[in-house]
Amino acid sequence: MSRIGKKPIAIPEGVSVSLEGRTIKVKGPKGELSWEYSDKMNVSVDGGTIVVEKISDSRVEKALHGLSRSIIFNMITGVSQGYQKVLEIVGVGYKAQVTGNKLLFTLGYSHPIEVHLPDTMKASVDAKQTQITLTGIDKHQLGQLAANLKALRPPDAYKGKGVRYSGERLKLKVGKAGKK
């Protein structure tokens, strides 16, 4: 039995939740999200709480129970508070710029890399152009965008150059030893 799935979700002030068929729509001060949940789940809104229940005890439904509750909770948190990911760029000459809804990276390749941001996301770059702050309301989409940006130039194992999450610790390898 899923301990996460059994917990009811409290709806904070300023957030409205509506059910239309198997689609749950959450609207708050930061924006609006919707998600179609599985037909193996029952979702009900009782006053100021949301309850997710599974129909039977099959293995698939047990797996979906906690997942469905977590996704709905993340939607409510996203529209009320929002999410944020911070990336750091390490390397001589490596930098990022924001122009409109695009991020422009210079990562040591022969050409700059241009990444289009989804409409629900915003990015800002610090004065040194080495720290990128991504903000958005969809936790999954934000995490995927951050992973895609990190994949543009993953941190090097020897010098640590590349794009990494803020606070991420790398264990660097020792280089070659010189001739004796």
C-alpha atoms as a PDB file:
ATOM      1  CA  MET A   1       0.000   0.000   0.000  1.00  0.00           C
ATOM      2  CA  SER A   2       1.363   3.380  -0.997  1.00  0.00           C
ATOM      3  CA  ARG A   3       1.961   5.644   1.972  1.00  0.00           C
ATOM      4  CA  ILE A   4       2.282   8.667  -0.304  1.00  0.00           C
ATOM      5  CA  GLY A   5      -0.905   7.864  -2.231  1.00  0.00           C
ATOM      6  CA  LYS A   6      -3.011   7.642   0.938  1.00  0.00           C
ATOM      7  CA  LYS A   7      -2.181  11.189   2.055  1.00  0.00           C
ATOM      8  CA  PRO A   8      -4.814  13.790   1.159  1.00  0.00           C
ATOM      9  CA  ILE A   9      -3.593  16.924  -0.640  1.00  0.00           C
ATOM     10  CA  ALA A  10      -4.478  20.257   0.963  1.00  0.00           C
ATOM     11  CA  ILE A  11      -5.543  22.987  -1.462  1.00  0.00           C
ATOM     12  CA  PRO A  12      -3.966  26.337  -0.455  1.00  0.00           C
ATOM     13  CA  GLU A  13      -5.791  29.664  -0.673  1.00  0.00           C
ATOM     14  CA  GLY A  14      -5.833  31.229  -4.122  1.00  0.00           C
ATOM     15  CA  VAL A  15      -5.731  27.841  -5.886  1.00  0.00           C
ATOM     16  CA  SER A  16      -8.800  26.366  -7.577  1.00  0.00           C
ATOM     17  CA  VAL A  17      -9.114  22.731  -8.641  1.00  0.00           C
ATOM     18  CA  SER A  18     -11.684  21.385 -11.082  1.00  0.00           C
ATOM     19  CA  LEU A  19     -12.355  17.890 -12.417  1.00  0.00           C
ATOM     20  CA  GLU A  20     -13.678  17.383 -15.947  1.00  0.00           C
ATOM     21  CA  GLY A  21     -13.922  13.708 -16.776  1.00  0.00           C
ATOM     22  CA  ARG A  22     -10.446  12.267 -16.130  1.00  0.00           C
ATOM     23  CA  THR A  23      -8.731  15.661 -16.451  1.00  0.00           C
ATOM     24  CA  ILE A  24      -7.753  17.651 -13.383  1.00  0.00           C
ATOM     25  CA  LYS A  25      -7.216  21.387 -13.850  1.00  0.00           C
ATOM     26  CA  VAL A  26      -5.351  23.439 -11.272  1.00  0.00           C
ATOM     27  CA  LYS A  27      -5.367  27.229 -11.450  1.00  0.00           C
ATOM     28  CA  GLY A  28      -3.407  29.550  -9.192  1.00  0.00           C
ATOM     29  CA  PRO A  29      -1.616  32.896  -9.025  1.00  0.00           C
ATOM     30  CA  LYS A  30       1.381  31.667 -11.095  1.00  0.00           C
ATOM     31  CA  GLY A  31      -0.605  30.011 -13.894  1.00  0.00           C
ATOM     32  CA  GLU A  32      -2.724  27.048 -14.882  1.00  0.00           C
ATOM     33  CA  LEU A  33      -1.891  23.346 -15.353  1.00  0.00           C
ATOM     34  CA  SER A  34      -3.967  20.352 -16.409  1.00  0.00           C
ATOM     35  CA  TRP A  35      -3.264  16.625 -16.376  1.00  0.00           C
ATOM     36  CA  GLU A  36      -5.225  13.570 -17.485  1.00  0.00           C
ATOM     37  CA  TYR A  37      -4.966  10.857 -14.841  1.00  0.00           C
ATOM     38  CA  SER A  38      -5.328   7.130 -15.385  1.00  0.00           C
ATOM     39  CA  ASP A  39      -8.730   5.450 -15.523  1.00  0.00           C
ATOM     40  CA  LYS A  40      -7.417   3.089 -12.824  1.00  0.00           C
ATOM     41  CA  MET A  41      -7.540   5.954 -10.276  1.00  0.00           C
ATOM     42  CA  ASN A  42     -10.395   7.856  -8.633  1.00  0.00           C
ATOM     43  CA  VAL A  43      -9.669  11.497  -7.833  1.00  0.00           C
ATOM     44  CA  SER A  44     -12.143  13.481  -5.745  1.00  0.00           C
ATOM     45  CA  VAL A  45     -12.168  17.037  -4.418  1.00  0.00           C
ATOM     46  CA  ASP A  46     -13.704  17.304  -0.935  1.00  0.00           C
ATOM     47  CA  GLY A  47     -13.811  20.908   0.237  1.00  0.00           C
ATOM     48  CA  GLY A  48     -10.205  21.954   0.722  1.00  0.00           C
ATOM     49  CA  THR A  49      -8.564  18.576   0.020  1.00  0.00           C
ATOM     50  CA  ILE A  50      -7.962  16.232  -2.898  1.00  0.00           C
ATOM     51  CA  VAL A  51      -8.067  12.469  -2.365  1.00  0.00           C
ATOM     52  CA  VAL A  52      -6.558   9.949  -4.796  1.00  0.00           C
ATOM     53  CA  GLU A  53      -7.833   6.357  -4.511  1.00  0.00           C
ATOM     54  CA  LYS A  54      -7.027   3.238  -6.488  1.00  0.00           C
ATOM     55  CA  ILE A  55      -9.833   1.042  -7.767  1.00  0.00           C
ATOM     56  CA  SER A  56      -8.254  -2.359  -6.995  1.00  0.00           C
ATOM     57  CA  ASP A  57      -5.014  -3.757  -5.562  1.00  0.00           C
ATOM     58  CA  SER A  58      -3.277  -4.796  -8.769  1.00  0.00           C
ATOM     59  CA  ARG A  59       0.447  -4.166  -9.118  1.00  0.00           C
ATOM     60  CA  VAL A  60      -0.013  -1.481 -11.803  1.00  0.00           C
ATOM     61  CA  GLU A  61      -2.563   0.434  -9.736  1.00  0.00           C
ATOM     62  CA  LYS A  62      -0.326   0.350  -6.667  1.00  0.00           C
ATOM     63  CA  ALA A  63       2.436   1.924  -8.772  1.00  0.00           C
ATOM     64  CA  LEU A  64       0.095   4.583 -10.212  1.00  0.00           C
ATOM     65  CA  HIS A  65      -1.415   5.482  -6.834  1.00  0.00           C
ATOM     66  CA  GLY A  66       1.583   7.319  -5.357  1.00  0.00           C
ATOM     67  CA  LEU A  67       2.616   8.669  -8.768  1.00  0.00           C
ATOM     68  CA  SER A  68      -0.785  10.251  -9.400  1.00  0.00           C
ATOM     69  CA  ARG A  69      -0.850  11.855  -5.959  1.00  0.00           C
ATOM     70  CA  SER A  70       2.697  13.233  -6.407  1.00  0.00           C
ATOM     71  CA  ILE A  71       1.927  14.714  -9.822  1.00  0.00           C
ATOM     72  CA  ILE A  72      -1.210  16.461  -8.520  1.00  0.00           C
ATOM     73  CA  PHE A  73       0.711  17.753  -5.472  1.00  0.00           C
ATOM     74  CA  ASN A  74       3.491  19.079  -7.753  1.00  0.00           C
ATOM     75  CA  MET A  75       0.871  20.831  -9.909  1.00  0.00           C
ATOM     76  CA  ILE A  76      -0.615  22.578  -6.862  1.00  0.00           C
ATOM     77  CA  THR A  77       2.823  23.600  -5.585  1.00  0.00           C
ATOM     78  CA  GLY A  78       3.782  24.850  -9.055  1.00  0.00           C
ATOM     79  CA  VAL A  79       0.788  27.136  -9.542  1.00  0.00           C
ATOM     80  CA  SER A  80       0.998  28.500  -5.995  1.00  0.00           C
ATOM     81  CA  GLN A  81       4.783  28.832  -5.393  1.00  0.00           C
ATOM     82  CA  GLY A  82       6.548  27.822  -8.617  1.00  0.00           C
ATOM     83  CA  TYR A  83       9.774  25.883  -9.086  1.00  0.00           C
ATOM     84  CA  GLN A  84      13.346  26.978  -9.694  1.00  0.00           C
ATOM     85  CA  LYS A  85      16.517  25.268 -10.937  1.00  0.00           C
ATOM     86  CA  VAL A  86      19.947  26.884 -10.960  1.00  0.00           C
ATOM     87  CA  LEU A  87      22.686  25.806 -13.388  1.00  0.00           C
ATOM     88  CA  GLU A  88      26.348  26.855 -13.314  1.00  0.00           C
ATOM     89  CA  ILE A  89      28.705  27.093 -16.263  1.00  0.00           C
ATOM     90  CA  VAL A  90      32.367  26.364 -15.515  1.00  0.00           C
ATOM     91  CA  GLY A  91      35.100  26.948 -18.084  1.00  0.00           C
ATOM     92  CA  VAL A  92      37.147  29.720 -19.638  1.00  0.00           C
ATOM     93  CA  GLY A  93      35.032  31.519 -22.243  1.00  0.00           C
ATOM     94  CA  TYR A  94      31.898  29.498 -21.443  1.00  0.00           C
ATOM     95  CA  LYS A  95      28.869  31.758 -21.005  1.00  0.00           C
ATOM     96  CA  ALA A  96      25.131  32.127 -21.522  1.00  0.00           C
ATOM     97  CA  GLN A  97      22.844  34.981 -22.567  1.00  0.00           C
ATOM     98  CA  VAL A  98      19.079  35.454 -22.537  1.00  0.00           C
ATOM     99  CA  THR A  99      17.490  37.104 -25.584  1.00  0.00           C
ATOM    100  CA  GLY A 100      13.697  37.121 -25.478  1.00  0.00           C
ATOM    101  CA  ASN A 101      12.561  33.534 -25.013  1.00  0.00           C
ATOM    102  CA  LYS A 102      15.903  32.066 -26.146  1.00  0.00           C
ATOM    103  CA  LEU A 103      19.078  31.079 -24.328  1.00  0.00           C
ATOM    104  CA  LEU A 104      22.320  31.551 -26.255  1.00  0.00           C
ATOM    105  CA  PHE A 105      25.274  29.437 -25.088  1.00  0.00           C
ATOM    106  CA  THR A 106      28.973  29.720 -25.891  1.00  0.00           C
ATOM    107  CA  LEU A 107      30.429  26.406 -24.725  1.00  0.00           C
ATOM    108  CA  GLY A 108      33.684  25.997 -26.605  1.00  0.00           C
ATOM    109  CA  TYR A 109      32.172  24.680 -29.818  1.00  0.00           C
ATOM    110  CA  SER A 110      32.764  26.356 -33.184  1.00  0.00           C
ATOM    111  CA  HIS A 111      29.259  27.833 -33.073  1.00  0.00           C
ATOM    112  CA  PRO A 112      26.933  29.275 -30.413  1.00  0.00           C
ATOM    113  CA  ILE A 113      24.067  27.036 -29.270  1.00  0.00           C
ATOM    114  CA  GLU A 114      20.544  28.465 -29.241  1.00  0.00           C
ATOM    115  CA  VAL A 115      17.855  26.927 -27.016  1.00  0.00           C
ATOM    116  CA  HIS A 116      14.209  28.039 -27.221  1.00  0.00           C
ATOM    117  CA  LEU A 117      12.387  28.242 -23.880  1.00  0.00           C
ATOM    118  CA  PRO A 118       8.798  27.003 -23.506  1.00  0.00           C
ATOM    119  CA  ASP A 119       6.176  29.698 -22.881  1.00  0.00           C
ATOM    120  CA  THR A 120       5.679  28.594 -19.266  1.00  0.00           C
ATOM    121  CA  MET A 121       9.375  29.035 -18.370  1.00  0.00           C
ATOM    122  CA  LYS A 122      11.588  32.006 -17.720  1.00  0.00           C
ATOM    123  CA  ALA A 123      15.366  32.180 -17.534  1.00  0.00           C
ATOM    124  CA  SER A 124      17.731  34.745 -16.106  1.00  0.00           C
ATOM    125  CA  VAL A 125      21.519  34.933 -16.212  1.00  0.00           C
ATOM    126  CA  ASP A 126      23.730  36.621 -13.606  1.00  0.00           C
ATOM    127  CA  ALA A 127      26.155  39.464 -14.391  1.00  0.00           C
ATOM    128  CA  LYS A 128      29.088  37.088 -14.952  1.00  0.00           C
ATOM    129  CA  GLN A 129      26.976  35.081 -17.447  1.00  0.00           C
ATOM    130  CA  THR A 130      27.909  31.820 -15.713  1.00  0.00           C
ATOM    131  CA  GLN A 131      24.817  31.139 -13.596  1.00  0.00           C
ATOM    132  CA  ILE A 132      21.436  30.392 -15.159  1.00  0.00           C
ATOM    133  CA  THR A 133      18.239  30.475 -13.094  1.00  0.00           C
ATOM    134  CA  LEU A 134      15.265  28.668 -14.639  1.00  0.00           C
ATOM    135  CA  THR A 135      11.788  29.248 -13.190  1.00  0.00           C
ATOM    136  CA  GLY A 136       8.483  27.667 -14.098  1.00  0.00           C
ATOM    137  CA  ILE A 137       5.301  26.091 -12.788  1.00  0.00           C
ATOM    138  CA  ASP A 138       5.654  22.576 -14.268  1.00  0.00           C
ATOM    139  CA  LYS A 139       8.197  20.591 -12.228  1.00  0.00           C
ATOM    140  CA  HIS A 140       8.623  17.851 -14.839  1.00  0.00           C
ATOM    141  CA  GLN A 141       9.122  20.246 -17.734  1.00  0.00           C
ATOM    142  CA  LEU A 142      11.568  22.369 -15.707  1.00  0.00           C
ATOM    143  CA  GLY A 143      13.666  19.349 -14.733  1.00  0.00           C
ATOM    144  CA  GLN A 144      13.729  18.103 -18.322  1.00  0.00           C
ATOM    145  CA  LEU A 145      14.843  21.496 -19.645  1.00  0.00           C
ATOM    146  CA  ALA A 146      17.618  21.667 -17.020  1.00  0.00           C
ATOM    147  CA  ALA A 147      18.776  18.156 -17.978  1.00  0.00           C
ATOM    148  CA  ASN A 148      18.776  19.103 -21.681  1.00  0.00           C
ATOM    149  CA  LEU A 149      20.878  22.200 -20.964  1.00  0.00           C
ATOM    150  CA  LYS A 150      23.328  20.138 -18.904  1.00  0.00           C
ATOM    151  CA  ALA A 151      23.615  17.651 -21.776  1.00  0.00           C
ATOM    152  CA  LEU A 152      24.844  20.424 -24.110  1.00  0.00           C
ATOM    153  CA  ARG A 153      28.261  20.224 -22.385  1.00  0.00           C
ATOM    154  CA  PRO A 154      28.362  17.726 -19.494  1.00  0.00           C
ATOM    155  CA  PRO A 155      31.037  18.397 -16.861  1.00  0.00           C
ATOM    156  CA  ASP A 156      34.475  17.100 -17.857  1.00  0.00           C
ATOM    157  CA  ALA A 157      35.879  14.356 -15.610  1.00  0.00           C
ATOM    158  CA  TYR A 158      39.370  15.898 -15.430  1.00  0.00           C
ATOM    159  CA  LYS A 159      38.912  19.679 -15.156  1.00  0.00           C
ATOM    160  CA  GLY A 160      35.195  19.931 -14.333  1.00  0.00           C
ATOM    161  CA  LYS A 161      34.446  22.231 -17.286  1.00  0.00           C
ATOM    162  CA  GLY A 162      30.865  22.252 -18.521  1.00  0.00           C
ATOM    163  CA  VAL A 163      27.287  22.872 -17.409  1.00  0.00           C
ATOM    164  CA  ARG A 164      26.244  21.519 -13.999  1.00  0.00           C
ATOM    165  CA  TYR A 165      23.518  21.940 -11.423  1.00  0.00           C
ATOM    166  CA  SER A 166      24.265  24.463  -8.702  1.00  0.00           C
ATOM    167  CA  GLY A 167      25.754  22.704  -5.708  1.00  0.00           C
ATOM    168  CA  GLU A 168      26.545  19.544  -7.686  1.00  0.00           C
ATOM    169  CA  ARG A 169      29.783  18.016  -6.501  1.00  0.00           C
ATOM    170  CA  LEU A 170      32.061  16.288  -8.975  1.00  0.00           C
ATOM    171  CA  LYS A 171      34.762  13.806  -8.207  1.00  0.00           C
ATOM    172  CA  LEU A 172      37.543  14.750 -10.606  1.00  0.00           C
ATOM    173  CA  LYS A 173      39.956  12.181 -11.984  1.00  0.00           C
ATOM    174  CA  VAL A 174      43.698  12.545 -11.640  1.00  0.00           C
ATOM    175  CA  GLY A 175      45.455  13.337 -14.925  1.00  0.00           C
ATOM    176  CA  LYS A 176      48.425  11.509 -16.391  1.00  0.00           C
ATOM    177  CA  ALA A 177      51.580  11.369 -14.351  1.00  0.00           C
ATOM    178  CA  GLY A 178      54.669  12.800 -16.052  1.00  0.00           C
ATOM    179  CA  LYS A 179      57.739  10.703 -16.976  1.00  0.00           C
ATOM    180  CA  LYS A 180      60.174  10.124 -14.154  1.00  0.00           C
END
